[in-house]
Protein backbone atom coordinates (compact mmCIF):
# COMPACT_ATOMS: atom_id res chain seq x y z
CA MET A 1 30.62 -12.32 13.25
CA ASP A 2 29.85 -12.94 9.59
CA ILE A 3 31.47 -10.54 7.15
CA GLY A 4 29.79 -12.06 4.10
CA ASP A 5 26.95 -9.55 4.00
CA ILE A 6 29.03 -6.44 4.57
CA ASP A 7 29.30 -3.88 1.79
CA PRO A 8 32.87 -2.51 1.88
CA GLU A 9 31.65 0.99 1.01
CA ASP A 10 29.14 0.94 3.86
CA PHE A 11 31.86 -0.29 6.18
CA GLN A 12 34.21 2.47 5.03
CA HIS A 13 31.53 5.02 5.86
CA GLU A 14 30.82 3.42 9.25
CA TRP A 15 34.53 3.24 10.13
CA ARG A 16 35.09 6.91 9.28
CA LEU A 17 32.10 8.00 11.36
CA ALA A 18 33.17 5.83 14.30
CA ARG A 19 36.73 7.14 14.06
CA ARG A 20 35.56 10.77 13.94
CA GLU A 21 33.24 10.22 16.92
CA TRP A 22 36.07 8.54 18.86
CA ASP A 23 38.49 11.36 18.03
CA GLN A 24 35.99 13.99 19.17
CA ALA A 25 35.22 12.13 22.40
CA ASN A 26 38.93 11.76 23.13
CA GLN A 27 39.43 15.47 22.49
CA ARG A 28 36.66 16.35 24.95
CA LYS A 29 38.19 13.99 27.53
CA LEU A 30 41.65 15.50 27.06
CA GLU A 31 40.26 19.04 27.40
CA ALA A 32 38.51 18.00 30.61
CA GLN A 33 41.72 16.51 31.99
CA VAL A 34 43.73 19.63 31.11
CA SER A 35 41.14 21.94 32.64
CA GLY A 36 40.87 19.84 35.79
CA VAL A 37 37.11 19.54 35.36
CA PRO A 38 36.03 15.90 35.15
CA LEU A 39 33.69 14.69 32.43
CA THR A 40 30.04 14.71 33.31
CA GLU A 41 28.28 11.38 33.56
CA ALA A 42 26.74 11.95 30.12
CA GLN A 43 30.13 12.86 28.62
CA GLN A 44 31.71 9.76 30.17
CA ALA A 45 28.92 7.61 28.75
CA ALA A 46 29.39 9.20 25.30
CA TRP A 47 33.15 8.55 25.52
CA LEU A 48 32.58 4.89 26.38
CA GLN A 49 30.02 4.52 23.60
CA ALA A 50 32.38 6.07 21.02
CA LYS A 51 35.20 3.84 22.22
CA SER A 52 33.06 0.71 21.98
CA ARG A 53 31.77 1.63 18.52
CA PHE A 54 35.26 2.26 17.17
CA GLU A 55 36.67 -0.90 18.77
CA ALA A 56 33.85 -2.93 17.17
CA CYS A 57 34.73 -1.43 13.78
CA GLU A 58 38.40 -2.24 14.33
CA GLN A 59 37.56 -5.86 15.19
CA LEU A 60 35.43 -6.14 12.07
CA TRP A 61 38.23 -4.58 10.02
CA ASP A 62 40.62 -7.26 11.34
CA GLN A 63 38.17 -10.00 10.41
CA MET A 64 37.74 -8.57 6.93
CA TYR A 65 41.51 -8.31 6.50
CA LYS A 66 41.97 -11.93 7.55
CA ALA A 67 39.30 -12.91 5.02
CA GLY A 68 41.21 -11.12 2.26
CA VAL A 69 39.00 -8.04 1.98
CA VAL A 70 40.90 -4.79 1.50
CA VAL A 71 39.25 -1.72 2.98
CA VAL A 72 40.48 1.76 2.10
CA VAL A 73 38.86 4.44 4.23
CA GLY A 74 40.26 7.56 2.63
CA GLY A 75 41.37 10.72 4.33
CA ASP A 76 39.76 12.94 6.90
CA ASP A 77 38.46 15.16 4.13
CA GLU A 78 35.83 12.63 3.14
CA ASP A 79 32.38 14.19 3.10
CA ASP A 80 30.56 12.01 5.63
CA ASP A 81 27.45 12.91 7.57
CA LEU A 82 27.80 12.63 11.32
CA ALA A 83 24.27 11.26 11.64
């Protein structure tokens, strides 16, 4: 993967959205486990998609770090769109 064309600000935004989506999917999964009601097929697919998206961002973050790029994502209070 080439990190040369990546805008750090765009990546920050993407990472925050992926992290928020992953957190929400994990919360839904935990609630399902606690309630004893398994995730629906659609919820399971959404969980896997959120996991994959966040893991891809984490891999890219590692590559950027190894290339000497510092990425600061800010706090959870950042005003990001979920779209």
